[in-house]
Amino acid sequence: MKTVLITGASSGIGYHICEKLISEGMLVIGISRSKASINHKNFIHYEQNLMDISATEKLIREILKEHEPDIIINNAGSGYYGLHEELNPAKIHELVTTNLEVPFLITNLALRNLKKKSGAIINISSVTAGKSNPHGAAYGATKAGLSSFSCSIFDEARKAGVRVITIEPDMTDTNLYRNADFGP
């Protein structure tokens, strides 16, 4: 049975990915800041605020030791929109931590094992990664960074059989836009 570790498992894209992977017979280990409503024998959930990097690192190390996932899905995301000058430092910190630092950390901790298993990393970026993003400059920049990171990790790890996939969805009807003055 394949084992998948996914962040942002309790809602939106992550929730639906979890449901699909469980239906395919995979063991899914989900991490999210709030309780996931999935109740299935092949779903293990951990509540963790990813902004707490120290606690997140500790949890990821424990999960990797116990379950040795075949696939990592860096899905958790944060979005703030509006003029960049109107973002406060806390929002900028959240964007960078959630959208970049956490995927960097998880990939760093999981990569050796993924190389042994010829595993996969899937990074959920955004269509905004390759565009100008007025009213979403910081969000777009973090997603561009994630897409660039994915390309570089692919080049580093492909000879070991690790697949790195970047998905760049367009606007999706999720809670990501709760902080926007527009909707999907």
C-alpha atoms as a PDB file:
ATOM      1  CA  MET A   1       0.000   0.000   0.000  1.00  0.00           C
ATOM      2  CA  LYS A   2       1.374   3.408  -0.985  1.00  0.00           C
ATOM      3  CA  THR A   3       1.613   6.002   1.762  1.00  0.00           C
ATOM      4  CA  VAL A   4       1.032   9.698   1.094  1.00  0.00           C
ATOM      5  CA  LEU A   5       1.799  12.662   3.351  1.00  0.00           C
ATOM      6  CA  ILE A   6      -0.232  15.776   2.516  1.00  0.00           C
ATOM      7  CA  THR A   7      -0.454  19.220   4.104  1.00  0.00           C
ATOM      8  CA  GLY A   8      -3.629  21.258   4.055  1.00  0.00           C
ATOM      9  CA  ALA A   9      -5.750  18.121   4.335  1.00  0.00           C
ATOM     10  CA  SER A  10      -8.878  19.465   6.024  1.00  0.00           C
ATOM     11  CA  SER A  11     -10.385  21.597   3.259  1.00  0.00           C
ATOM     12  CA  GLY A  12     -10.287  22.680  -0.342  1.00  0.00           C
ATOM     13  CA  ILE A  13      -7.975  20.981  -2.807  1.00  0.00           C
ATOM     14  CA  GLY A  14      -6.213  19.002  -0.060  1.00  0.00           C
ATOM     15  CA  TYR A  15      -9.445  17.535   1.278  1.00  0.00           C
ATOM     16  CA  HIS A  16     -10.477  16.333  -2.172  1.00  0.00           C
ATOM     17  CA  ILE A  17      -7.014  14.913  -2.867  1.00  0.00           C
ATOM     18  CA  CYS A  18      -7.267  12.944   0.402  1.00  0.00           C
ATOM     19  CA  GLU A  19     -10.663  11.543  -0.549  1.00  0.00           C
ATOM     20  CA  LYS A  20      -9.414  10.486  -3.992  1.00  0.00           C
ATOM     21  CA  LEU A  21      -6.221   8.854  -2.702  1.00  0.00           C
ATOM     22  CA  ILE A  22      -8.135   6.944  -0.008  1.00  0.00           C
ATOM     23  CA  SER A  23     -10.564   5.698  -2.667  1.00  0.00           C
ATOM     24  CA  GLU A  24      -7.524   4.454  -4.618  1.00  0.00           C
ATOM     25  CA  GLY A  25      -6.487   2.343  -1.615  1.00  0.00           C
ATOM     26  CA  MET A  26      -3.641   4.510  -0.326  1.00  0.00           C
ATOM     27  CA  LEU A  27      -2.794   5.292   3.291  1.00  0.00           C
ATOM     28  CA  VAL A  28      -3.106   9.058   3.624  1.00  0.00           C
ATOM     29  CA  ILE A  29      -1.447  11.022   6.403  1.00  0.00           C
ATOM     30  CA  GLY A  30      -2.975  14.481   6.509  1.00  0.00           C
ATOM     31  CA  ILE A  31      -1.750  17.541   8.320  1.00  0.00           C
ATOM     32  CA  SER A  32      -3.855  20.652   8.770  1.00  0.00           C
ATOM     33  CA  ARG A  33      -4.434  23.339  11.348  1.00  0.00           C
ATOM     34  CA  SER A  34      -8.014  22.227  11.890  1.00  0.00           C
ATOM     35  CA  LYS A  35      -9.716  18.872  12.263  1.00  0.00           C
ATOM     36  CA  ALA A  36     -10.349  16.992   9.042  1.00  0.00           C
ATOM     37  CA  SER A  37     -13.826  15.525   8.624  1.00  0.00           C
ATOM     38  CA  ILE A  38     -12.541  12.398   6.882  1.00  0.00           C
ATOM     39  CA  ASN A  39     -13.252   9.264   8.866  1.00  0.00           C
ATOM     40  CA  HIS A  40     -11.621   6.265   7.207  1.00  0.00           C
ATOM     41  CA  LYS A  41      -9.267   3.490   8.319  1.00  0.00           C
ATOM     42  CA  ASN A  42      -6.723   4.632   5.684  1.00  0.00           C
ATOM     43  CA  PHE A  43      -6.621   8.219   6.958  1.00  0.00           C
ATOM     44  CA  ILE A  44      -4.419   9.441   9.783  1.00  0.00           C
ATOM     45  CA  HIS A  45      -4.756  13.094  10.683  1.00  0.00           C
ATOM     46  CA  TYR A  46      -2.524  15.435  12.645  1.00  0.00           C
ATOM     47  CA  GLU A  47      -3.644  18.900  13.689  1.00  0.00           C
ATOM     48  CA  GLN A  48      -0.674  21.209  13.380  1.00  0.00           C
ATOM     49  CA  ASN A  49      -0.317  24.919  12.757  1.00  0.00           C
ATOM     50  CA  LEU A  50       2.445  24.954  10.141  1.00  0.00           C
ATOM     51  CA  MET A  51       3.469  28.444  11.261  1.00  0.00           C
ATOM     52  CA  ASP A  52       5.096  26.809  14.280  1.00  0.00           C
ATOM     53  CA  ILE A  53       8.159  25.622  12.374  1.00  0.00           C
ATOM     54  CA  SER A  54       9.809  23.906  15.333  1.00  0.00           C
ATOM     55  CA  ALA A  55       6.710  21.845  16.158  1.00  0.00           C
ATOM     56  CA  THR A  56       6.119  21.177  12.450  1.00  0.00           C
ATOM     57  CA  GLU A  57       9.671  19.880  12.019  1.00  0.00           C
ATOM     58  CA  LYS A  58       9.269  17.595  15.034  1.00  0.00           C
ATOM     59  CA  LEU A  59       5.954  16.235  13.715  1.00  0.00           C
ATOM     60  CA  ILE A  60       7.321  15.656  10.207  1.00  0.00           C
ATOM     61  CA  ARG A  61      10.330  13.785  11.600  1.00  0.00           C
ATOM     62  CA  GLU A  62       7.996  11.540  13.645  1.00  0.00           C
ATOM     63  CA  ILE A  63       5.728  10.861  10.662  1.00  0.00           C
ATOM     64  CA  LEU A  64       8.644  10.093   8.342  1.00  0.00           C
ATOM     65  CA  LYS A  65      10.155   7.716  10.886  1.00  0.00           C
ATOM     66  CA  GLU A  66       6.906   5.860  11.524  1.00  0.00           C
ATOM     67  CA  HIS A  67       5.343   5.755   8.054  1.00  0.00           C
ATOM     68  CA  GLU A  68       8.065   6.389   5.397  1.00  0.00           C
ATOM     69  CA  PRO A  69       5.732   7.975   2.818  1.00  0.00           C
ATOM     70  CA  ASP A  70       6.103   7.173  -0.885  1.00  0.00           C
ATOM     71  CA  ILE A  71       4.573  10.489  -1.916  1.00  0.00           C
ATOM     72  CA  ILE A  72       4.747  13.974  -0.391  1.00  0.00           C
ATOM     73  CA  ILE A  73       2.113  16.521  -1.367  1.00  0.00           C
ATOM     74  CA  ASN A  74       2.907  20.083  -0.327  1.00  0.00           C
ATOM     75  CA  ASN A  75      -0.593  21.492  -0.627  1.00  0.00           C
ATOM     76  CA  ALA A  76      -1.157  23.849   2.336  1.00  0.00           C
ATOM     77  CA  GLY A  77      -1.349  27.420   1.179  1.00  0.00           C
ATOM     78  CA  SER A  78      -1.971  30.887   2.454  1.00  0.00           C
ATOM     79  CA  GLY A  79      -3.269  33.815   0.437  1.00  0.00           C
ATOM     80  CA  TYR A  80      -3.584  37.523   1.126  1.00  0.00           C
ATOM     81  CA  TYR A  81      -4.619  39.907  -1.588  1.00  0.00           C
ATOM     82  CA  GLY A  82      -4.708  43.658  -2.096  1.00  0.00           C
ATOM     83  CA  LEU A  83      -2.074  46.300  -2.612  1.00  0.00           C
ATOM     84  CA  HIS A  84       1.280  45.115  -1.309  1.00  0.00           C
ATOM     85  CA  GLU A  85       1.720  48.244   0.812  1.00  0.00           C
ATOM     86  CA  GLU A  86      -1.413  47.276   2.714  1.00  0.00           C
ATOM     87  CA  LEU A  87      -0.115  43.864   3.813  1.00  0.00           C
ATOM     88  CA  ASN A  88       1.314  43.802   7.302  1.00  0.00           C
ATOM     89  CA  PRO A  89       4.517  41.942   8.219  1.00  0.00           C
ATOM     90  CA  ALA A  90       2.566  39.109   9.908  1.00  0.00           C
ATOM     91  CA  LYS A  91       0.679  38.369   6.683  1.00  0.00           C
ATOM     92  CA  ILE A  92       3.885  38.436   4.644  1.00  0.00           C
ATOM     93  CA  HIS A  93       5.501  36.069   7.161  1.00  0.00           C
ATOM     94  CA  GLU A  94       2.531  33.688   6.922  1.00  0.00           C
ATOM     95  CA  LEU A  95       2.672  33.676   3.111  1.00  0.00           C
ATOM     96  CA  VAL A  96       6.390  32.920   3.013  1.00  0.00           C
ATOM     97  CA  THR A  97       6.263  30.327   5.803  1.00  0.00           C
ATOM     98  CA  THR A  98       3.237  28.399   4.555  1.00  0.00           C
ATOM     99  CA  ASN A  99       3.823  28.626   0.810  1.00  0.00           C
ATOM    100  CA  LEU A 100       7.626  28.254   0.757  1.00  0.00           C
ATOM    101  CA  GLU A 101       9.370  27.429   4.016  1.00  0.00           C
ATOM    102  CA  VAL A 102       7.170  24.464   4.936  1.00  0.00           C
ATOM    103  CA  PRO A 103       7.530  22.763   1.515  1.00  0.00           C
ATOM    104  CA  PHE A 104      11.308  23.404   1.691  1.00  0.00           C
ATOM    105  CA  LEU A 105      11.425  21.820   5.167  1.00  0.00           C
ATOM    106  CA  ILE A 106       9.299  18.778   4.344  1.00  0.00           C
ATOM    107  CA  THR A 107      11.227  18.122   1.128  1.00  0.00           C
ATOM    108  CA  ASN A 108      14.526  18.466   2.968  1.00  0.00           C
ATOM    109  CA  LEU A 109      13.496  15.959   5.613  1.00  0.00           C
ATOM    110  CA  ALA A 110      11.852  13.465   3.218  1.00  0.00           C
ATOM    111  CA  LEU A 111      14.160  13.487   0.192  1.00  0.00           C
ATOM    112  CA  ARG A 112      16.659  10.817   1.263  1.00  0.00           C
ATOM    113  CA  ASN A 113      13.869   8.346   1.917  1.00  0.00           C
ATOM    114  CA  LEU A 114      12.079   9.270  -1.304  1.00  0.00           C
ATOM    115  CA  LYS A 115      15.293   8.554  -3.220  1.00  0.00           C
ATOM    116  CA  LYS A 116      15.461   5.062  -1.690  1.00  0.00           C
ATOM    117  CA  LYS A 117      11.859   4.392  -2.726  1.00  0.00           C
ATOM    118  CA  SER A 118      11.843   6.239  -6.068  1.00  0.00           C
ATOM    119  CA  GLY A 119       9.059   8.308  -4.557  1.00  0.00           C
ATOM    120  CA  ALA A 120       7.337  11.487  -5.631  1.00  0.00           C
ATOM    121  CA  ILE A 121       6.877  15.071  -4.513  1.00  0.00           C
ATOM    122  CA  ILE A 122       3.824  16.988  -5.673  1.00  0.00           C
ATOM    123  CA  ASN A 123       3.822  20.721  -5.053  1.00  0.00           C
ATOM    124  CA  ILE A 124       0.548  22.606  -5.402  1.00  0.00           C
ATOM    125  CA  SER A 125       1.595  25.991  -6.724  1.00  0.00           C
ATOM    126  CA  SER A 126      -0.626  28.407  -8.651  1.00  0.00           C
ATOM    127  CA  VAL A 127      -1.207  29.683 -12.153  1.00  0.00           C
ATOM    128  CA  THR A 128      -0.054  33.013 -10.708  1.00  0.00           C
ATOM    129  CA  ALA A 129       3.499  31.650 -10.460  1.00  0.00           C
ATOM    130  CA  GLY A 130       4.307  32.758 -13.996  1.00  0.00           C
ATOM    131  CA  LYS A 131       2.383  36.019 -14.107  1.00  0.00           C
ATOM    132  CA  SER A 132       2.357  39.556 -12.839  1.00  0.00           C
ATOM    133  CA  ASN A 133       0.108  39.695  -9.785  1.00  0.00           C
ATOM    134  CA  PRO A 134      -1.130  43.160  -8.925  1.00  0.00           C
ATOM    135  CA  HIS A 135      -3.206  42.865  -5.740  1.00  0.00           C
ATOM    136  CA  GLY A 136      -1.422  39.584  -4.992  1.00  0.00           C
ATOM    137  CA  ALA A 137       2.281  40.313  -5.475  1.00  0.00           C
ATOM    138  CA  ALA A 138       3.523  38.464  -2.387  1.00  0.00           C
ATOM    139  CA  TYR A 139       1.239  35.469  -2.966  1.00  0.00           C
ATOM    140  CA  GLY A 140       2.341  35.194  -6.609  1.00  0.00           C
ATOM    141  CA  ALA A 141       5.995  35.534  -5.629  1.00  0.00           C
ATOM    142  CA  THR A 142       5.760  32.695  -3.099  1.00  0.00           C
ATOM    143  CA  LYS A 143       4.078  30.464  -5.676  1.00  0.00           C
ATOM    144  CA  ALA A 144       6.727  31.378  -8.274  1.00  0.00           C
ATOM    145  CA  GLY A 145       9.336  30.402  -5.698  1.00  0.00           C
ATOM    146  CA  LEU A 146       7.601  27.065  -5.098  1.00  0.00           C
ATOM    147  CA  SER A 147       7.452  26.336  -8.835  1.00  0.00           C
ATOM    148  CA  SER A 148      11.138  27.227  -9.224  1.00  0.00           C
ATOM    149  CA  PHE A 149      12.016  25.065  -6.218  1.00  0.00           C
ATOM    150  CA  SER A 150      10.135  22.150  -7.793  1.00  0.00           C
ATOM    151  CA  CYS A 151      12.155  22.417 -11.018  1.00  0.00           C
ATOM    152  CA  SER A 152      15.431  22.501  -9.114  1.00  0.00           C
ATOM    153  CA  ILE A 153      14.551  19.549  -6.863  1.00  0.00           C
ATOM    154  CA  PHE A 154      13.509  17.577  -9.954  1.00  0.00           C
ATOM    155  CA  ASP A 155      16.940  18.227 -11.491  1.00  0.00           C
ATOM    156  CA  GLU A 156      18.655  17.227  -8.232  1.00  0.00           C
ATOM    157  CA  ALA A 157      16.665  14.061  -7.576  1.00  0.00           C
ATOM    158  CA  ARG A 158      15.554  12.645 -10.922  1.00  0.00           C
ATOM    159  CA  LYS A 159      18.593  10.396 -11.348  1.00  0.00           C
ATOM    160  CA  ALA A 160      17.545   8.714  -8.094  1.00  0.00           C
ATOM    161  CA  GLY A 161      14.102   8.066  -9.572  1.00  0.00           C
ATOM    162  CA  VAL A 162      12.251  10.763  -7.643  1.00  0.00           C
ATOM    163  CA  ARG A 163       9.447  12.384  -9.582  1.00  0.00           C
ATOM    164  CA  VAL A 164       8.672  16.023  -8.841  1.00  0.00           C
ATOM    165  CA  ILE A 165       5.379  17.347 -10.118  1.00  0.00           C
ATOM    166  CA  THR A 166       4.166  20.922  -9.921  1.00  0.00           C
ATOM    167  CA  ILE A 167       0.466  21.609 -10.267  1.00  0.00           C
ATOM    168  CA  GLU A 168      -0.499  25.212 -10.929  1.00  0.00           C
ATOM    169  CA  PRO A 169      -4.285  25.458 -10.552  1.00  0.00           C
ATOM    170  CA  ASP A 170      -6.209  28.548 -11.565  1.00  0.00           C
ATOM    171  CA  MET A 171      -8.793  30.080  -9.227  1.00  0.00           C
ATOM    172  CA  THR A 172     -10.558  27.304  -7.372  1.00  0.00           C
ATOM    173  CA  ASP A 173     -13.618  27.500  -5.156  1.00  0.00           C
ATOM    174  CA  THR A 174     -11.790  27.097  -1.848  1.00  0.00           C
ATOM    175  CA  ASN A 175     -11.349  29.030   1.373  1.00  0.00           C
ATOM    176  CA  LEU A 176      -8.061  30.487   0.059  1.00  0.00           C
ATOM    177  CA  TYR A 177      -9.898  33.594  -1.092  1.00  0.00           C
ATOM    178  CA  ARG A 178     -11.428  34.371   2.306  1.00  0.00           C
ATOM    179  CA  ASN A 179      -8.979  37.269   2.608  1.00  0.00           C
ATOM    180  CA  ALA A 180      -9.695  38.710  -0.855  1.00  0.00           C
ATOM    181  CA  ASP A 181     -12.072  41.347  -2.139  1.00  0.00           C
ATOM    182  CA  PHE A 182     -12.916  38.993  -5.038  1.00  0.00           C
ATOM    183  CA  GLY A 183     -14.005  35.383  -5.395  1.00  0.00           C
ATOM    184  CA  PRO A 184     -13.281  32.444  -7.633  1.00  0.00           C
END
